[in-house]
Amino acid sequence: MEDQFYTAKEVAKTLKVAYMTVYRWIKAGKLKAYQMQKQYRVKASDLNNFIESQKIK
């Protein structure tokens, strides 16, 4: 079973934060992301781990 990937914009919308906030988390290494073509993609499992560690609701 493959893990689903989300764009940084989708992550921002899901977490109800600004896109630039998600971008900063990725650049700071707080949120693991993979660069695919020219976009960052976040695995669903990595997003769940990030949410758990940050206590974001």
PDB file of N, CA and C in Angstrom:
ATOM      1  N   MET A   1       0.844  -1.186   0.000  1.00  0.00           N
ATOM      2  CA  MET A   1       0.000   0.000   0.000  1.00  0.00           C
ATOM      3  C   MET A   1       0.883   1.241   0.000  1.00  0.00           C
ATOM      4  N   GLU A   2       0.632   2.124  -0.935  1.00  0.00           N
ATOM      5  CA  GLU A   2       1.430   3.331  -1.040  1.00  0.00           C
ATOM      6  C   GLU A   2       0.876   4.429  -0.144  1.00  0.00           C
ATOM      7  N   ASP A   3       1.789   5.235   0.346  1.00  0.00           N
ATOM      8  CA  ASP A   3       1.422   6.377   1.168  1.00  0.00           C
ATOM      9  C   ASP A   3       0.980   7.518   0.250  1.00  0.00           C
ATOM     10  N   GLN A   4      -0.030   8.240   0.658  1.00  0.00           N
ATOM     11  CA  GLN A   4      -0.510   9.359  -0.141  1.00  0.00           C
ATOM     12  C   GLN A   4       0.368  10.587   0.111  1.00  0.00           C
ATOM     13  N   PHE A   5       0.550  11.391  -0.921  1.00  0.00           N
ATOM     14  CA  PHE A   5       1.333  12.615  -0.816  1.00  0.00           C
ATOM     15  C   PHE A   5       0.415  13.825  -0.925  1.00  0.00           C
ATOM     16  N   TYR A   6       0.752  14.885  -0.182  1.00  0.00           N
ATOM     17  CA  TYR A   6       0.007  16.137  -0.218  1.00  0.00           C
ATOM     18  C   TYR A   6       0.941  17.269  -0.600  1.00  0.00           C
ATOM     19  N   THR A   7       0.427  18.246  -1.315  1.00  0.00           N
ATOM     20  CA  THR A   7       1.220  19.428  -1.626  1.00  0.00           C
ATOM     21  C   THR A   7       1.279  20.311  -0.380  1.00  0.00           C
ATOM     22  N   ALA A   8       2.213  21.242  -0.379  1.00  0.00           N
ATOM     23  CA  ALA A   8       2.338  22.168   0.749  1.00  0.00           C
ATOM     24  C   ALA A   8       1.061  22.996   0.900  1.00  0.00           C
ATOM     25  N   LYS A   9       0.431  23.340  -0.217  1.00  0.00           N
ATOM     26  CA  LYS A   9      -0.820  24.103  -0.157  1.00  0.00           C
ATOM     27  C   LYS A   9      -1.937  23.296   0.487  1.00  0.00           C
ATOM     28  N   GLU A  10      -2.004  22.005   0.172  1.00  0.00           N
ATOM     29  CA  GLU A  10      -3.017  21.140   0.780  1.00  0.00           C
ATOM     30  C   GLU A  10      -2.773  20.989   2.281  1.00  0.00           C
ATOM     31  N   VAL A  11      -1.507  20.887   2.664  1.00  0.00           N
ATOM     32  CA  VAL A  11      -1.156  20.788   4.087  1.00  0.00           C
ATOM     33  C   VAL A  11      -1.569  22.065   4.809  1.00  0.00           C
ATOM     34  N   ALA A  12      -1.289  23.217   4.200  1.00  0.00           N
ATOM     35  CA  ALA A  12      -1.653  24.500   4.807  1.00  0.00           C
ATOM     36  C   ALA A  12      -3.162  24.600   5.001  1.00  0.00           C
ATOM     37  N   LYS A  13      -3.903  24.191   4.004  1.00  0.00           N
ATOM     38  CA  LYS A  13      -5.366  24.244   4.094  1.00  0.00           C
ATOM     39  C   LYS A  13      -5.883  23.295   5.178  1.00  0.00           C
ATOM     40  N   THR A  14      -5.315  22.101   5.257  1.00  0.00           N
ATOM     41  CA  THR A  14      -5.716  21.112   6.258  1.00  0.00           C
ATOM     42  C   THR A  14      -5.440  21.605   7.675  1.00  0.00           C
ATOM     43  N   LEU A  15      -4.271  22.221   7.868  1.00  0.00           N
ATOM     44  CA  LEU A  15      -3.875  22.684   9.200  1.00  0.00           C
ATOM     45  C   LEU A  15      -4.375  24.096   9.516  1.00  0.00           C
ATOM     46  N   LYS A  16      -4.993  24.719   8.521  1.00  0.00           N
ATOM     47  CA  LYS A  16      -5.521  26.085   8.671  1.00  0.00           C
ATOM     48  C   LYS A  16      -4.436  27.080   9.066  1.00  0.00           C
ATOM     49  N   VAL A  17      -3.335  27.010   8.321  1.00  0.00           N
ATOM     50  CA  VAL A  17      -2.227  27.949   8.484  1.00  0.00           C
ATOM     51  C   VAL A  17      -1.863  28.486   7.101  1.00  0.00           C
ATOM     52  N   ALA A  18      -1.034  29.508   7.069  1.00  0.00           N
ATOM     53  CA  ALA A  18      -0.594  30.093   5.805  1.00  0.00           C
ATOM     54  C   ALA A  18       0.371  29.146   5.087  1.00  0.00           C
ATOM     55  N   TYR A  19       0.353  29.213   3.768  1.00  0.00           N
ATOM     56  CA  TYR A  19       1.262  28.396   2.963  1.00  0.00           C
ATOM     57  C   TYR A  19       2.714  28.639   3.363  1.00  0.00           C
ATOM     58  N   MET A  20       3.076  29.905   3.596  1.00  0.00           N
ATOM     59  CA  MET A  20       4.459  30.242   3.944  1.00  0.00           C
ATOM     60  C   MET A  20       4.868  29.601   5.270  1.00  0.00           C
ATOM     61  N   THR A  21       3.934  29.398   6.176  1.00  0.00           N
ATOM     62  CA  THR A  21       4.241  28.724   7.439  1.00  0.00           C
ATOM     63  C   THR A  21       4.657  27.284   7.162  1.00  0.00           C
ATOM     64  N   VAL A  22       3.919  26.603   6.316  1.00  0.00           N
ATOM     65  CA  VAL A  22       4.250  25.221   5.952  1.00  0.00           C
ATOM     66  C   VAL A  22       5.604  25.193   5.247  1.00  0.00           C
ATOM     67  N   TYR A  23       5.825  26.134   4.356  1.00  0.00           N
ATOM     68  CA  TYR A  23       7.098  26.213   3.628  1.00  0.00           C
ATOM     69  C   TYR A  23       8.257  26.397   4.610  1.00  0.00           C
ATOM     70  N   ARG A  24       8.073  27.248   5.605  1.00  0.00           N
ATOM     71  CA  ARG A  24       9.125  27.472   6.617  1.00  0.00           C
ATOM     72  C   ARG A  24       9.378  26.209   7.436  1.00  0.00           C
ATOM     73  N   TRP A  25       8.311  25.469   7.786  1.00  0.00           N
ATOM     74  CA  TRP A  25       8.481  24.208   8.519  1.00  0.00           C
ATOM     75  C   TRP A  25       9.302  23.222   7.694  1.00  0.00           C
ATOM     76  N   ILE A  26       9.024  23.176   6.400  1.00  0.00           N
ATOM     77  CA  ILE A  26       9.759  22.268   5.511  1.00  0.00           C
ATOM     78  C   ILE A  26      11.226  22.687   5.441  1.00  0.00           C
ATOM     79  N   LYS A  27      11.482  23.967   5.212  1.00  0.00           N
ATOM     80  CA  LYS A  27      12.855  24.469   5.084  1.00  0.00           C
ATOM     81  C   LYS A  27      13.634  24.311   6.384  1.00  0.00           C
ATOM     82  N   ALA A  28      12.967  24.430   7.535  1.00  0.00           N
ATOM     83  CA  ALA A  28      13.623  24.290   8.836  1.00  0.00           C
ATOM     84  C   ALA A  28      13.833  22.823   9.214  1.00  0.00           C
ATOM     85  N   GLY A  29      13.240  21.910   8.455  1.00  0.00           N
ATOM     86  CA  GLY A  29      13.393  20.497   8.742  1.00  0.00           C
ATOM     87  C   GLY A  29      12.413  19.975   9.781  1.00  0.00           C
ATOM     88  N   LYS A  30      11.445  20.786  10.162  1.00  0.00           N
ATOM     89  CA  LYS A  30      10.447  20.353  11.144  1.00  0.00           C
ATOM     90  C   LYS A  30       9.424  19.412  10.517  1.00  0.00           C
ATOM     91  N   LEU A  31       9.120  19.649   9.260  1.00  0.00           N
ATOM     92  CA  LEU A  31       8.151  18.833   8.521  1.00  0.00           C
ATOM     93  C   LEU A  31       8.882  18.189   7.353  1.00  0.00           C
ATOM     94  N   LYS A  32       8.912  16.864   7.339  1.00  0.00           N
ATOM     95  CA  LYS A  32       9.619  16.134   6.289  1.00  0.00           C
ATOM     96  C   LYS A  32       8.838  16.220   4.990  1.00  0.00           C
ATOM     97  N   ALA A  33       9.531  16.608   3.933  1.00  0.00           N
ATOM     98  CA  ALA A  33       8.898  16.735   2.621  1.00  0.00           C
ATOM     99  C   ALA A  33       9.857  16.228   1.553  1.00  0.00           C
ATOM    100  N   TYR A  34       9.281  15.830   0.443  1.00  0.00           N
ATOM    101  CA  TYR A  34      10.058  15.316  -0.682  1.00  0.00           C
ATOM    102  C   TYR A  34       9.851  16.259  -1.853  1.00  0.00           C
ATOM    103  N   GLN A  35      10.939  16.598  -2.531  1.00  0.00           N
ATOM    104  CA  GLN A  35      10.808  17.482  -3.683  1.00  0.00           C
ATOM    105  C   GLN A  35      10.551  16.622  -4.913  1.00  0.00           C
ATOM    106  N   MET A  36       9.377  16.832  -5.502  1.00  0.00           N
ATOM    107  CA  MET A  36       8.987  16.119  -6.710  1.00  0.00           C
ATOM    108  C   MET A  36       8.753  17.159  -7.787  1.00  0.00           C
ATOM    109  N   GLN A  37       9.546  17.049  -8.830  1.00  0.00           N
ATOM    110  CA  GLN A  37       9.591  18.071  -9.863  1.00  0.00           C
ATOM    111  C   GLN A  37       9.958  19.374  -9.168  1.00  0.00           C
ATOM    112  N   LYS A  38       9.132  20.388  -9.189  1.00  0.00           N
ATOM    113  CA  LYS A  38       9.498  21.647  -8.533  1.00  0.00           C
ATOM    114  C   LYS A  38       8.636  21.927  -7.317  1.00  0.00           C
ATOM    115  N   GLN A  39       7.907  20.926  -6.836  1.00  0.00           N
ATOM    116  CA  GLN A  39       7.027  21.103  -5.686  1.00  0.00           C
ATOM    117  C   GLN A  39       7.462  20.216  -4.537  1.00  0.00           C
ATOM    118  N   TYR A  40       7.165  20.683  -3.330  1.00  0.00           N
ATOM    119  CA  TYR A  40       7.368  19.844  -2.161  1.00  0.00           C
ATOM    120  C   TYR A  40       6.107  19.032  -1.923  1.00  0.00           C
ATOM    121  N   ARG A  41       6.289  17.758  -1.592  1.00  0.00           N
ATOM    122  CA  ARG A  41       5.175  16.874  -1.272  1.00  0.00           C
ATOM    123  C   ARG A  41       5.429  16.275   0.104  1.00  0.00           C
ATOM    124  N   VAL A  42       4.367  16.133   0.875  1.00  0.00           N
ATOM    125  CA  VAL A  42       4.453  15.598   2.223  1.00  0.00           C
ATOM    126  C   VAL A  42       3.675  14.290   2.279  1.00  0.00           C
ATOM    127  N   LYS A  43       4.313  13.249   2.779  1.00  0.00           N
ATOM    128  CA  LYS A  43       3.631  11.959   2.943  1.00  0.00           C
ATOM    129  C   LYS A  43       2.598  12.086   4.053  1.00  0.00           C
ATOM    130  N   ALA A  44       1.496  11.384   3.900  1.00  0.00           N
ATOM    131  CA  ALA A  44       0.439  11.408   4.909  1.00  0.00           C
ATOM    132  C   ALA A  44       0.972  10.950   6.263  1.00  0.00           C
ATOM    133  N   SER A  45       1.792   9.920   6.286  1.00  0.00           N
ATOM    134  CA  SER A  45       2.333   9.417   7.558  1.00  0.00           C
ATOM    135  C   SER A  45       3.259  10.435   8.212  1.00  0.00           C
ATOM    136  N   ASP A  46       4.049  11.159   7.404  1.00  0.00           N
ATOM    137  CA  ASP A  46       4.926  12.201   7.955  1.00  0.00           C
ATOM    138  C   ASP A  46       4.107  13.365   8.498  1.00  0.00           C
ATOM    139  N   LEU A  47       3.018  13.690   7.821  1.00  0.00           N
ATOM    140  CA  LEU A  47       2.139  14.760   8.290  1.00  0.00           C
ATOM    141  C   LEU A  47       1.502  14.375   9.621  1.00  0.00           C
ATOM    142  N   ASN A  48       1.045  13.135   9.720  1.00  0.00           N
ATOM    143  CA  ASN A  48       0.457  12.666  10.979  1.00  0.00           C
ATOM    144  C   ASN A  48       1.465  12.719  12.118  1.00  0.00           C
ATOM    145  N   ASN A  49       2.706  12.303  11.849  1.00  0.00           N
ATOM    146  CA  ASN A  49       3.753  12.362  12.871  1.00  0.00           C
ATOM    147  C   ASN A  49       4.027  13.803  13.293  1.00  0.00           C
ATOM    148  N   PHE A  50       4.049  14.715  12.334  1.00  0.00           N
ATOM    149  CA  PHE A  50       4.282  16.120  12.632  1.00  0.00           C
ATOM    150  C   PHE A  50       3.158  16.679  13.510  1.00  0.00           C
ATOM    151  N   ILE A  51       1.919  16.367  13.162  1.00  0.00           N
ATOM    152  CA  ILE A  51       0.773  16.844  13.925  1.00  0.00           C
ATOM    153  C   ILE A  51       0.847  16.323  15.355  1.00  0.00           C
ATOM    154  N   GLU A  52       1.177  15.051  15.516  1.00  0.00           N
ATOM    155  CA  GLU A  52       1.288  14.459  16.850  1.00  0.00           C
ATOM    156  C   GLU A  52       2.382  15.140  17.666  1.00  0.00           C
ATOM    157  N   SER A  53       3.516  15.403  17.038  1.00  0.00           N
ATOM    158  CA  SER A  53       4.643  15.984  17.758  1.00  0.00           C
ATOM    159  C   SER A  53       4.426  17.458  18.105  1.00  0.00           C
ATOM    160  N   GLN A  54       3.645  18.158  17.296  1.00  0.00           N
ATOM    161  CA  GLN A  54       3.428  19.590  17.504  1.00  0.00           C
ATOM    162  C   GLN A  54       2.136  19.882  18.271  1.00  0.00           C
ATOM    163  N   LYS A  55       1.326  18.865  18.478  1.00  0.00           N
ATOM    164  CA  LYS A  55       0.032  19.027  19.156  1.00  0.00           C
ATOM    165  C   LYS A  55      -0.871  20.004  18.409  1.00  0.00           C
ATOM    166  N   ILE A  56      -0.832  19.937  17.065  1.00  0.00           N
ATOM    167  CA  ILE A  56      -1.671  20.789  16.225  1.00  0.00           C
ATOM    168  C   ILE A  56      -3.029  20.123  16.080  1.00  0.00           C
ATOM    169  N   LYS A  57      -4.077  20.917  16.223  1.00  0.00           N
ATOM    170  CA  LYS A  57      -5.425  20.347  16.109  1.00  0.00           C
ATOM    171  C   LYS A  57      -6.206  21.058  15.046  1.00  0.00           C
TER     172      LYS A  57
END
